[in-house]
Amino acid sequence: EHRHQQHEVRTFLAGLKHDLQDDIRETDELVTDYKRFDANFRYLASLEPGKMPDEKTFGPAYQFIDANRYMLPTKSRFDGFLMSGKLTNIEDQELLSGILALYQSDLPQVQTSEGGWATRQRKLRDYRDEGLDRGDAADYFRLLTTSKGKRLLNQMGTTEQHYERYRNYAEHARKIIRMIDAYPGMADAGHH
């Protein structure tokens, strides 16, 4: 029975390692994307009223206001193992605690930061949608260069805490991967 439980644990951990590697890649992509969003919002906030910018630059930048991206962690394997009550079969308590902290503390913090960003983006969209008259480039420009438009654009900058939470998630996931690699019997687990 114990050997069977540990086989299930090693199979779970091997899959979890793969899931975490995907999540780490995703956090790297998210940081890159949010930096692009930040640069775009900075550009739009820097526009001066009455000085209509080049349409080839302004048009795509304006369209990019609607872009967003959120972390979609691969956690169905974790959820299934948790629901089945088998997580407690992981004999390394530090590893078990680390996995639980990642999904029940680090991930909700990431989602809270993303939710704050989404709320600010929604306010900017609502302002834009309520204020549009003609819906042409001059109209968009007029809206974004008002004091309220500039204030909303400036609020779109991704907070340092948001970036920090992505970094924490990725660092924690890397630490868990190292613990998985050190788990008894994992050297053979990849070959079953």
C-alpha atoms as a PDB file:
ATOM      1  CA  GLU A   1       0.000   0.000   0.000  1.00  0.00           C
ATOM      2  CA  HIS A   2       2.773   2.425   0.955  1.00  0.00           C
ATOM      3  CA  ARG A   3       4.711   1.587  -2.213  1.00  0.00           C
ATOM      4  CA  HIS A   4       1.577   2.191  -4.309  1.00  0.00           C
ATOM      5  CA  GLN A   5       0.950   5.548  -2.559  1.00  0.00           C
ATOM      6  CA  GLN A   6       4.526   6.642  -3.185  1.00  0.00           C
ATOM      7  CA  HIS A   7       4.268   5.607  -6.837  1.00  0.00           C
ATOM      8  CA  GLU A   8       1.169   7.845  -7.124  1.00  0.00           C
ATOM      9  CA  VAL A   9       3.038  10.669  -5.348  1.00  0.00           C
ATOM     10  CA  ARG A  10       6.031  10.390  -7.711  1.00  0.00           C
ATOM     11  CA  THR A  11       3.716  10.331 -10.751  1.00  0.00           C
ATOM     12  CA  PHE A  12       1.938  13.431  -9.407  1.00  0.00           C
ATOM     13  CA  LEU A  13       5.235  15.213  -8.676  1.00  0.00           C
ATOM     14  CA  ALA A  14       6.640  14.420 -12.142  1.00  0.00           C
ATOM     15  CA  GLY A  15       3.523  15.952 -13.711  1.00  0.00           C
ATOM     16  CA  LEU A  16       3.557  18.887 -11.288  1.00  0.00           C
ATOM     17  CA  LYS A  17       7.165  19.625 -12.230  1.00  0.00           C
ATOM     18  CA  HIS A  18       6.087  19.911 -15.881  1.00  0.00           C
ATOM     19  CA  ASP A  19       3.128  22.159 -14.892  1.00  0.00           C
ATOM     20  CA  LEU A  20       5.424  24.427 -12.868  1.00  0.00           C
ATOM     21  CA  GLN A  21       7.903  24.703 -15.742  1.00  0.00           C
ATOM     22  CA  ASP A  22       5.007  25.886 -17.930  1.00  0.00           C
ATOM     23  CA  ASP A  23       3.942  28.389 -15.240  1.00  0.00           C
ATOM     24  CA  ILE A  24       7.500  29.766 -14.955  1.00  0.00           C
ATOM     25  CA  ARG A  25       7.618  30.292 -18.730  1.00  0.00           C
ATOM     26  CA  GLU A  26       4.233  31.991 -18.538  1.00  0.00           C
ATOM     27  CA  THR A  27       5.324  34.390 -15.761  1.00  0.00           C
ATOM     28  CA  ASP A  28       8.324  35.398 -17.898  1.00  0.00           C
ATOM     29  CA  GLU A  29       5.983  36.106 -20.837  1.00  0.00           C
ATOM     30  CA  LEU A  30       3.594  38.025 -18.582  1.00  0.00           C
ATOM     31  CA  VAL A  31       6.375  40.306 -17.317  1.00  0.00           C
ATOM     32  CA  THR A  32       7.397  40.998 -20.930  1.00  0.00           C
ATOM     33  CA  ASP A  33       3.789  41.719 -21.931  1.00  0.00           C
ATOM     34  CA  TYR A  34       3.110  44.030 -18.972  1.00  0.00           C
ATOM     35  CA  LYS A  35       6.290  45.972 -19.769  1.00  0.00           C
ATOM     36  CA  ARG A  36       4.954  46.436 -23.312  1.00  0.00           C
ATOM     37  CA  PHE A  37       1.604  47.586 -21.896  1.00  0.00           C
ATOM     38  CA  ASP A  38       3.454  50.031 -19.602  1.00  0.00           C
ATOM     39  CA  ALA A  39       5.461  51.501 -22.494  1.00  0.00           C
ATOM     40  CA  ASN A  40       2.284  51.922 -24.545  1.00  0.00           C
ATOM     41  CA  PHE A  41       0.380  53.658 -21.726  1.00  0.00           C
ATOM     42  CA  ARG A  42       3.406  55.921 -21.062  1.00  0.00           C
ATOM     43  CA  TYR A  43       3.463  56.901 -24.747  1.00  0.00           C
ATOM     44  CA  LEU A  44      -0.266  57.679 -24.769  1.00  0.00           C
ATOM     45  CA  ALA A  45      -0.050  59.637 -21.485  1.00  0.00           C
ATOM     46  CA  SER A  46       2.810  61.725 -22.922  1.00  0.00           C
ATOM     47  CA  LEU A  47       0.734  63.063 -25.830  1.00  0.00           C
ATOM     48  CA  GLU A  48       0.134  66.815 -25.764  1.00  0.00           C
ATOM     49  CA  PRO A  49      -3.353  68.219 -26.438  1.00  0.00           C
ATOM     50  CA  GLY A  50      -3.518  69.969 -29.791  1.00  0.00           C
ATOM     51  CA  LYS A  51      -0.505  68.115 -31.245  1.00  0.00           C
ATOM     52  CA  MET A  52      -2.096  65.222 -33.100  1.00  0.00           C
ATOM     53  CA  PRO A  53       0.526  62.456 -33.411  1.00  0.00           C
ATOM     54  CA  ASP A  54       1.352  60.439 -36.508  1.00  0.00           C
ATOM     55  CA  GLU A  55      -1.617  58.116 -37.211  1.00  0.00           C
ATOM     56  CA  LYS A  56       0.723  55.155 -37.927  1.00  0.00           C
ATOM     57  CA  THR A  57       2.025  55.386 -34.339  1.00  0.00           C
ATOM     58  CA  PHE A  58      -1.127  56.550 -32.580  1.00  0.00           C
ATOM     59  CA  GLY A  59      -3.619  54.125 -34.196  1.00  0.00           C
ATOM     60  CA  PRO A  60      -1.925  50.882 -33.066  1.00  0.00           C
ATOM     61  CA  ALA A  61      -1.097  52.388 -29.646  1.00  0.00           C
ATOM     62  CA  TYR A  62      -4.744  53.330 -29.170  1.00  0.00           C
ATOM     63  CA  GLN A  63      -5.931  49.842 -30.211  1.00  0.00           C
ATOM     64  CA  PHE A  64      -3.463  48.320 -27.720  1.00  0.00           C
ATOM     65  CA  ILE A  65      -5.400  49.925 -24.813  1.00  0.00           C
ATOM     66  CA  ASP A  66      -7.722  46.912 -24.918  1.00  0.00           C
ATOM     67  CA  ALA A  67      -4.926  44.332 -24.730  1.00  0.00           C
ATOM     68  CA  ASN A  68      -4.559  42.385 -21.517  1.00  0.00           C
ATOM     69  CA  ARG A  69      -3.110  39.133 -20.277  1.00  0.00           C
ATOM     70  CA  TYR A  70      -3.615  37.127 -17.100  1.00  0.00           C
ATOM     71  CA  MET A  71      -1.881  34.152 -15.591  1.00  0.00           C
ATOM     72  CA  LEU A  72      -3.611  30.878 -16.328  1.00  0.00           C
ATOM     73  CA  PRO A  73      -1.700  28.417 -14.170  1.00  0.00           C
ATOM     74  CA  THR A  74      -1.797  24.736 -14.971  1.00  0.00           C
ATOM     75  CA  LYS A  75      -3.346  23.572 -11.717  1.00  0.00           C
ATOM     76  CA  SER A  76      -5.908  20.877 -12.517  1.00  0.00           C
ATOM     77  CA  ARG A  77      -3.379  18.181 -11.519  1.00  0.00           C
ATOM     78  CA  PHE A  78      -2.851  19.915  -8.147  1.00  0.00           C
ATOM     79  CA  ASP A  79      -6.607  20.399  -7.657  1.00  0.00           C
ATOM     80  CA  GLY A  80      -7.303  16.735  -8.428  1.00  0.00           C
ATOM     81  CA  PHE A  81      -4.624  15.459  -6.046  1.00  0.00           C
ATOM     82  CA  LEU A  82      -5.848  17.859  -3.355  1.00  0.00           C
ATOM     83  CA  MET A  83      -9.504  16.802  -3.780  1.00  0.00           C
ATOM     84  CA  SER A  84      -8.595  13.101  -3.707  1.00  0.00           C
ATOM     85  CA  GLY A  85      -6.957  13.618  -0.301  1.00  0.00           C
ATOM     86  CA  LYS A  86      -3.657  12.253  -1.586  1.00  0.00           C
ATOM     87  CA  LEU A  87      -1.505  15.353  -0.993  1.00  0.00           C
ATOM     88  CA  THR A  88      -0.799  14.149   2.538  1.00  0.00           C
ATOM     89  CA  ASN A  89       0.968  11.119   1.018  1.00  0.00           C
ATOM     90  CA  ILE A  90       3.847  13.480   0.123  1.00  0.00           C
ATOM     91  CA  GLU A  91       6.292  12.555   2.881  1.00  0.00           C
ATOM     92  CA  ASP A  92       8.543  15.620   2.555  1.00  0.00           C
ATOM     93  CA  GLN A  93       6.699  18.179   4.703  1.00  0.00           C
ATOM     94  CA  GLU A  94       8.717  21.119   3.340  1.00  0.00           C
ATOM     95  CA  LEU A  95       7.772  20.139  -0.212  1.00  0.00           C
ATOM     96  CA  LEU A  96       4.107  19.687   0.740  1.00  0.00           C
ATOM     97  CA  SER A  97       4.056  23.080   2.499  1.00  0.00           C
ATOM     98  CA  GLY A  98       5.746  24.698  -0.490  1.00  0.00           C
ATOM     99  CA  ILE A  99       3.193  23.314  -2.956  1.00  0.00           C
ATOM    100  CA  LEU A 100       0.286  24.435  -0.766  1.00  0.00           C
ATOM    101  CA  ALA A 101       1.788  27.911  -0.278  1.00  0.00           C
ATOM    102  CA  LEU A 102       2.346  28.322  -4.024  1.00  0.00           C
ATOM    103  CA  TYR A 103      -1.269  27.587  -4.943  1.00  0.00           C
ATOM    104  CA  GLN A 104      -3.034  28.931  -1.856  1.00  0.00           C
ATOM    105  CA  SER A 105      -0.944  32.050  -1.134  1.00  0.00           C
ATOM    106  CA  ASP A 106       1.336  33.059  -4.028  1.00  0.00           C
ATOM    107  CA  LEU A 107      -1.231  32.451  -6.783  1.00  0.00           C
ATOM    108  CA  PRO A 108      -4.066  34.423  -5.093  1.00  0.00           C
ATOM    109  CA  GLN A 109      -1.617  37.336  -4.612  1.00  0.00           C
ATOM    110  CA  VAL A 110      -0.823  37.305  -8.351  1.00  0.00           C
ATOM    111  CA  GLN A 111      -4.548  37.208  -9.112  1.00  0.00           C
ATOM    112  CA  THR A 112      -5.202  40.144  -6.756  1.00  0.00           C
ATOM    113  CA  SER A 113      -2.599  42.268  -8.568  1.00  0.00           C
ATOM    114  CA  GLU A 114      -4.002  41.282 -11.957  1.00  0.00           C
ATOM    115  CA  GLY A 115      -7.502  42.114 -10.714  1.00  0.00           C
ATOM    116  CA  GLY A 116      -6.393  45.601  -9.665  1.00  0.00           C
ATOM    117  CA  TRP A 117      -4.842  46.171 -13.084  1.00  0.00           C
ATOM    118  CA  ALA A 118      -8.033  44.910 -14.797  1.00  0.00           C
ATOM    119  CA  THR A 119     -10.155  47.305 -12.697  1.00  0.00           C
ATOM    120  CA  ARG A 120      -8.018  50.276 -13.782  1.00  0.00           C
ATOM    121  CA  GLN A 121      -8.229  49.141 -17.409  1.00  0.00           C
ATOM    122  CA  ARG A 122     -12.031  48.864 -17.117  1.00  0.00           C
ATOM    123  CA  LYS A 123     -12.217  52.463 -15.782  1.00  0.00           C
ATOM    124  CA  LEU A 124     -10.173  53.667 -18.757  1.00  0.00           C
ATOM    125  CA  ARG A 125     -12.400  51.748 -21.201  1.00  0.00           C
ATOM    126  CA  ASP A 126     -15.592  53.059 -19.555  1.00  0.00           C
ATOM    127  CA  TYR A 127     -14.272  56.629 -19.740  1.00  0.00           C
ATOM    128  CA  ARG A 128     -13.390  56.107 -23.394  1.00  0.00           C
ATOM    129  CA  ASP A 129     -16.728  54.516 -24.292  1.00  0.00           C
ATOM    130  CA  GLU A 130     -18.791  57.214 -22.528  1.00  0.00           C
ATOM    131  CA  GLY A 131     -16.819  60.079 -24.056  1.00  0.00           C
ATOM    132  CA  LEU A 132     -16.643  59.059 -27.703  1.00  0.00           C
ATOM    133  CA  ASP A 133     -18.529  61.203 -30.176  1.00  0.00           C
ATOM    134  CA  ARG A 134     -17.421  60.191 -33.661  1.00  0.00           C
ATOM    135  CA  GLY A 135     -15.090  57.293 -32.865  1.00  0.00           C
ATOM    136  CA  ASP A 136     -12.303  58.512 -35.155  1.00  0.00           C
ATOM    137  CA  ALA A 137      -8.620  59.066 -34.377  1.00  0.00           C
ATOM    138  CA  ALA A 138      -9.133  62.759 -33.551  1.00  0.00           C
ATOM    139  CA  ASP A 139     -11.911  61.816 -31.127  1.00  0.00           C
ATOM    140  CA  TYR A 140      -9.720  59.172 -29.431  1.00  0.00           C
ATOM    141  CA  PHE A 141      -6.867  61.654 -29.212  1.00  0.00           C
ATOM    142  CA  ARG A 142      -9.104  64.348 -27.704  1.00  0.00           C
ATOM    143  CA  LEU A 143     -10.321  61.947 -24.995  1.00  0.00           C
ATOM    144  CA  LEU A 144      -6.876  60.676 -24.023  1.00  0.00           C
ATOM    145  CA  THR A 145      -5.316  64.128 -23.762  1.00  0.00           C
ATOM    146  CA  THR A 146      -7.895  65.542 -21.322  1.00  0.00           C
ATOM    147  CA  SER A 147      -6.699  65.751 -17.724  1.00  0.00           C
ATOM    148  CA  LYS A 148      -8.935  62.776 -16.798  1.00  0.00           C
ATOM    149  CA  GLY A 149      -7.680  60.774 -19.787  1.00  0.00           C
ATOM    150  CA  LYS A 150      -4.053  61.433 -18.825  1.00  0.00           C
ATOM    151  CA  ARG A 151      -4.744  60.553 -15.183  1.00  0.00           C
ATOM    152  CA  LEU A 152      -6.361  57.234 -16.177  1.00  0.00           C
ATOM    153  CA  LEU A 153      -3.492  56.429 -18.558  1.00  0.00           C
ATOM    154  CA  ASN A 154      -0.902  57.206 -15.876  1.00  0.00           C
ATOM    155  CA  GLN A 155      -2.735  54.894 -13.433  1.00  0.00           C
ATOM    156  CA  MET A 156      -2.324  51.995 -15.879  1.00  0.00           C
ATOM    157  CA  GLY A 157       1.345  51.521 -15.047  1.00  0.00           C
ATOM    158  CA  THR A 158       1.923  48.034 -13.658  1.00  0.00           C
ATOM    159  CA  THR A 159       2.862  48.303  -9.991  1.00  0.00           C
ATOM    160  CA  GLU A 160       6.205  47.045  -8.722  1.00  0.00           C
ATOM    161  CA  GLN A 161       4.217  44.787  -6.367  1.00  0.00           C
ATOM    162  CA  HIS A 162       2.545  43.166  -9.406  1.00  0.00           C
ATOM    163  CA  TYR A 163       5.955  42.372 -10.971  1.00  0.00           C
ATOM    164  CA  GLU A 164       7.260  41.214  -7.579  1.00  0.00           C
ATOM    165  CA  ARG A 165       4.388  38.738  -7.250  1.00  0.00           C
ATOM    166  CA  TYR A 166       5.205  37.188 -10.648  1.00  0.00           C
ATOM    167  CA  ARG A 167       8.858  36.917  -9.584  1.00  0.00           C
ATOM    168  CA  ASN A 168       7.904  35.357  -6.227  1.00  0.00           C
ATOM    169  CA  TYR A 169       5.643  32.811  -7.917  1.00  0.00           C
ATOM    170  CA  ALA A 170       8.392  31.813 -10.383  1.00  0.00           C
ATOM    171  CA  GLU A 171      11.104  31.633  -7.690  1.00  0.00           C
ATOM    172  CA  HIS A 172       8.863  29.550  -5.460  1.00  0.00           C
ATOM    173  CA  ALA A 173       8.021  27.226  -8.386  1.00  0.00           C
ATOM    174  CA  ARG A 174      11.769  26.786  -9.115  1.00  0.00           C
ATOM    175  CA  LYS A 175      12.392  25.886  -5.459  1.00  0.00           C
ATOM    176  CA  ILE A 176       9.580  23.303  -5.579  1.00  0.00           C
ATOM    177  CA  ILE A 177      11.071  21.802  -8.763  1.00  0.00           C
ATOM    178  CA  ARG A 178      14.438  21.425  -6.987  1.00  0.00           C
ATOM    179  CA  MET A 179      12.673  19.687  -4.060  1.00  0.00           C
ATOM    180  CA  ILE A 180      10.782  17.420  -6.491  1.00  0.00           C
ATOM    181  CA  ASP A 181      14.073  16.458  -8.135  1.00  0.00           C
ATOM    182  CA  ALA A 182      15.445  15.541  -4.682  1.00  0.00           C
ATOM    183  CA  TYR A 183      12.348  13.542  -3.638  1.00  0.00           C
ATOM    184  CA  PRO A 184      13.155   9.849  -2.971  1.00  0.00           C
ATOM    185  CA  GLY A 185      12.689   7.734  -6.082  1.00  0.00           C
ATOM    186  CA  MET A 186      12.188  10.661  -8.487  1.00  0.00           C
ATOM    187  CA  ALA A 187      15.256   9.733 -10.527  1.00  0.00           C
ATOM    188  CA  ASP A 188      13.331   6.644 -11.720  1.00  0.00           C
ATOM    189  CA  ALA A 189       9.869   8.281 -11.893  1.00  0.00           C
ATOM    190  CA  GLY A 190      10.414   9.790 -15.328  1.00  0.00           C
ATOM    191  CA  HIS A 191      10.919   6.330 -16.819  1.00  0.00           C
ATOM    192  CA  HIS A 192       7.563   4.735 -15.937  1.00  0.00           C
END
